[in-house]
N, C-alpha and C. Protein backbone atom coordinates (compact mmCIF):
# COMPACT_ATOMS: atom_id res chain seq x y z
N MET A 1 0.85 -1.18 0.00
CA MET A 1 0.00 0.00 0.00
C MET A 1 0.90 1.25 0.00
N ALA A 2 0.59 2.19 -0.84
CA ALA A 2 1.38 3.41 -0.96
C ALA A 2 1.11 4.32 0.23
N LYS A 3 2.17 5.00 0.65
CA LYS A 3 2.03 5.98 1.73
C LYS A 3 1.31 7.22 1.19
N PRO A 4 0.46 7.82 2.01
CA PRO A 4 -0.15 9.08 1.57
C PRO A 4 0.91 10.18 1.48
N ASP A 5 0.69 11.11 0.59
CA ASP A 5 1.64 12.21 0.38
C ASP A 5 1.57 13.17 1.56
N ASP A 6 2.61 13.22 2.37
CA ASP A 6 2.67 14.12 3.53
C ASP A 6 3.41 15.39 3.13
N ARG A 7 2.67 16.44 2.90
CA ARG A 7 3.25 17.70 2.46
C ARG A 7 3.37 18.71 3.60
N SER A 8 3.13 18.27 4.81
CA SER A 8 3.06 19.19 5.94
C SER A 8 4.37 19.92 6.21
N ASN A 9 5.49 19.34 5.85
CA ASN A 9 6.77 20.00 6.13
C ASN A 9 7.48 20.47 4.85
N ASN A 10 6.79 20.49 3.73
CA ASN A 10 7.43 20.88 2.48
C ASN A 10 7.98 22.31 2.52
N ALA A 11 7.20 23.25 3.04
CA ALA A 11 7.65 24.64 3.09
C ALA A 11 8.93 24.76 3.91
N GLU A 12 8.96 24.10 5.05
CA GLU A 12 10.15 24.15 5.90
C GLU A 12 11.36 23.52 5.20
N ARG A 13 11.12 22.41 4.53
CA ARG A 13 12.19 21.73 3.81
C ARG A 13 12.75 22.61 2.69
N ILE A 14 11.86 23.28 1.97
CA ILE A 14 12.30 24.17 0.89
C ILE A 14 13.09 25.34 1.45
N GLU A 15 12.61 25.92 2.55
CA GLU A 15 13.33 27.02 3.20
C GLU A 15 14.74 26.58 3.61
N ASN A 16 14.85 25.39 4.15
CA ASN A 16 16.16 24.87 4.54
C ASN A 16 17.07 24.70 3.32
N ASN A 17 16.50 24.21 2.22
CA ASN A 17 17.29 24.05 1.01
C ASN A 17 17.78 25.38 0.46
N ILE A 18 16.92 26.40 0.53
CA ILE A 18 17.32 27.74 0.08
C ILE A 18 18.46 28.25 0.94
N ALA A 19 18.31 28.13 2.25
CA ALA A 19 19.35 28.61 3.17
C ALA A 19 20.67 27.88 2.93
N HIS A 20 20.60 26.58 2.72
CA HIS A 20 21.82 25.79 2.48
C HIS A 20 22.50 26.21 1.17
N THR A 21 21.70 26.44 0.15
CA THR A 21 22.25 26.85 -1.14
C THR A 21 22.88 28.23 -1.04
N LEU A 22 22.23 29.15 -0.33
CA LEU A 22 22.81 30.48 -0.12
C LEU A 22 24.14 30.38 0.64
N GLN A 23 24.18 29.51 1.62
CA GLN A 23 25.42 29.31 2.38
C GLN A 23 26.53 28.80 1.46
N ASN A 24 26.21 27.85 0.60
CA ASN A 24 27.20 27.33 -0.34
C ASN A 24 27.70 28.42 -1.28
N MET A 25 26.79 29.28 -1.74
CA MET A 25 27.19 30.39 -2.62
C MET A 25 28.16 31.32 -1.90
N ASN A 26 27.82 31.67 -0.66
CA ASN A 26 28.67 32.57 0.10
C ASN A 26 30.05 31.96 0.36
N GLU A 27 30.06 30.67 0.69
CA GLU A 27 31.33 30.00 0.94
C GLU A 27 32.19 29.95 -0.33
N ALA A 28 31.56 29.73 -1.46
CA ALA A 28 32.29 29.71 -2.74
C ALA A 28 32.86 31.08 -3.06
N GLN A 29 32.08 32.13 -2.83
CA GLN A 29 32.55 33.48 -3.07
C GLN A 29 33.70 33.83 -2.12
N ASP A 30 33.56 33.46 -0.87
CA ASP A 30 34.62 33.72 0.10
C ASP A 30 35.91 32.99 -0.28
N TYR A 31 35.77 31.75 -0.72
CA TYR A 31 36.93 30.97 -1.15
C TYR A 31 37.61 31.64 -2.34
N ALA A 32 36.80 32.05 -3.30
CA ALA A 32 37.36 32.69 -4.51
C ALA A 32 38.10 33.97 -4.15
N LYS A 33 37.54 34.75 -3.24
CA LYS A 33 38.20 36.00 -2.83
C LYS A 33 39.48 35.72 -2.05
N ALA A 34 39.42 34.77 -1.14
CA ALA A 34 40.57 34.47 -0.29
C ALA A 34 41.73 33.87 -1.07
N HIS A 35 41.42 33.16 -2.15
CA HIS A 35 42.47 32.47 -2.91
C HIS A 35 42.59 33.01 -4.33
N ALA A 36 42.17 34.25 -4.54
CA ALA A 36 42.16 34.83 -5.89
C ALA A 36 43.52 34.76 -6.57
N ASP A 37 44.58 34.94 -5.78
CA ASP A 37 45.92 34.92 -6.38
C ASP A 37 46.47 33.50 -6.55
N GLU A 38 45.74 32.50 -6.05
CA GLU A 38 46.21 31.12 -6.11
C GLU A 38 45.44 30.25 -7.10
N ILE A 39 44.23 30.66 -7.46
CA ILE A 39 43.43 29.82 -8.35
C ILE A 39 43.49 30.36 -9.77
N SER A 40 43.32 29.44 -10.70
CA SER A 40 43.38 29.82 -12.11
C SER A 40 42.11 30.57 -12.51
N SER A 41 42.20 31.27 -13.63
CA SER A 41 41.02 31.97 -14.12
C SER A 41 39.92 30.97 -14.50
N GLU A 42 40.34 29.78 -14.93
CA GLU A 42 39.37 28.73 -15.26
C GLU A 42 38.60 28.30 -14.01
N GLU A 43 39.32 28.11 -12.91
CA GLU A 43 38.66 27.71 -11.67
C GLU A 43 37.75 28.83 -11.17
N GLN A 44 38.20 30.07 -11.30
CA GLN A 44 37.38 31.22 -10.91
C GLN A 44 36.09 31.24 -11.73
N GLN A 45 36.21 30.99 -13.01
CA GLN A 45 35.05 30.97 -13.89
C GLN A 45 34.10 29.83 -13.51
N GLN A 46 34.65 28.68 -13.15
CA GLN A 46 33.82 27.54 -12.74
C GLN A 46 33.03 27.87 -11.48
N ILE A 47 33.67 28.56 -10.55
CA ILE A 47 32.99 28.96 -9.31
C ILE A 47 31.85 29.91 -9.64
N GLU A 48 32.11 30.87 -10.51
CA GLU A 48 31.08 31.84 -10.89
C GLU A 48 29.92 31.16 -11.60
N GLN A 49 30.22 30.23 -12.49
CA GLN A 49 29.17 29.51 -13.20
C GLN A 49 28.33 28.67 -12.25
N LYS A 50 28.98 28.04 -11.31
CA LYS A 50 28.25 27.21 -10.35
C LYS A 50 27.34 28.10 -9.50
N ASN A 51 27.82 29.27 -9.11
CA ASN A 51 26.98 30.17 -8.32
C ASN A 51 25.80 30.68 -9.15
N GLN A 52 26.01 30.86 -10.44
CA GLN A 52 24.89 31.26 -11.31
C GLN A 52 23.82 30.17 -11.34
N ARG A 53 24.27 28.93 -11.43
CA ARG A 53 23.32 27.81 -11.40
C ARG A 53 22.61 27.74 -10.05
N ARG A 54 23.34 28.04 -8.99
CA ARG A 54 22.73 28.06 -7.66
C ARG A 54 21.66 29.15 -7.58
N GLU A 55 21.94 30.32 -8.16
CA GLU A 55 20.96 31.40 -8.16
C GLU A 55 19.69 30.98 -8.89
N GLN A 56 19.85 30.31 -10.02
CA GLN A 56 18.68 29.83 -10.76
C GLN A 56 17.91 28.81 -9.94
N SER A 57 18.63 27.96 -9.26
CA SER A 57 17.99 26.96 -8.42
C SER A 57 17.20 27.62 -7.29
N ILE A 58 17.78 28.65 -6.70
CA ILE A 58 17.12 29.36 -5.61
C ILE A 58 15.83 30.02 -6.13
N GLU A 59 15.88 30.60 -7.32
CA GLU A 59 14.68 31.20 -7.89
C GLU A 59 13.57 30.15 -8.01
N GLY A 60 13.92 28.97 -8.51
CA GLY A 60 12.95 27.90 -8.64
C GLY A 60 12.41 27.45 -7.29
N MET A 61 13.29 27.35 -6.31
CA MET A 61 12.85 26.93 -4.98
C MET A 61 11.93 27.97 -4.35
N ARG A 62 12.22 29.26 -4.60
CA ARG A 62 11.35 30.31 -4.05
C ARG A 62 9.96 30.24 -4.67
N GLU A 63 9.90 29.97 -5.97
CA GLU A 63 8.60 29.80 -6.62
C GLU A 63 7.87 28.59 -6.04
N GLU A 64 8.59 27.51 -5.85
CA GLU A 64 8.00 26.31 -5.27
C GLU A 64 7.51 26.59 -3.85
N LEU A 65 8.27 27.37 -3.10
CA LEU A 65 7.89 27.72 -1.73
C LEU A 65 6.58 28.51 -1.74
N GLN A 66 6.47 29.46 -2.65
CA GLN A 66 5.24 30.25 -2.73
C GLN A 66 4.05 29.35 -3.03
N GLU A 67 4.23 28.43 -3.96
CA GLU A 67 3.15 27.49 -4.30
C GLU A 67 2.77 26.63 -3.10
N GLU A 68 3.78 26.20 -2.38
CA GLU A 68 3.53 25.34 -1.22
C GLU A 68 2.79 26.11 -0.13
N VAL A 69 3.18 27.35 0.11
CA VAL A 69 2.50 28.17 1.12
C VAL A 69 1.05 28.39 0.71
N GLN A 70 0.82 28.67 -0.56
CA GLN A 70 -0.55 28.86 -1.03
C GLN A 70 -1.38 27.59 -0.86
N ALA A 71 -0.78 26.46 -1.17
CA ALA A 71 -1.48 25.18 -1.01
C ALA A 71 -1.84 24.94 0.45
N GLN A 72 -0.91 25.27 1.35
CA GLN A 72 -1.20 25.08 2.77
C GLN A 72 -2.31 26.02 3.25
N GLN A 73 -2.29 27.24 2.73
CA GLN A 73 -3.33 28.21 3.11
C GLN A 73 -4.70 27.79 2.58
N ASN A 74 -4.69 27.07 1.47
CA ASN A 74 -5.95 26.61 0.88
C ASN A 74 -6.37 25.25 1.44
N GLY A 75 -5.63 24.76 2.41
CA GLY A 75 -5.98 23.50 3.06
C GLY A 75 -5.65 22.29 2.25
N GLN A 76 -4.65 22.37 1.39
CA GLN A 76 -4.26 21.25 0.54
C GLN A 76 -3.02 20.54 1.06
N GLU A 77 -2.85 20.50 2.35
CA GLU A 77 -1.66 19.86 2.92
C GLU A 77 -1.61 18.40 2.60
């Protein structure tokens, strides 16, 4: 028998994922700044590209969070 879909903690889970992704972005930026004279331009570019992908991911998660909050407000938990 399949488990019922428990969406009661989805908003919290999404918020945690956003916070974790933001933390990773900040750590990557800090690393790049601290080691700017030690890392290659290719590695610097890779860090920047990864952070761009993280930003896109965060945008998607924020949209998902809004949908989840609306669903909870409408009693669709």
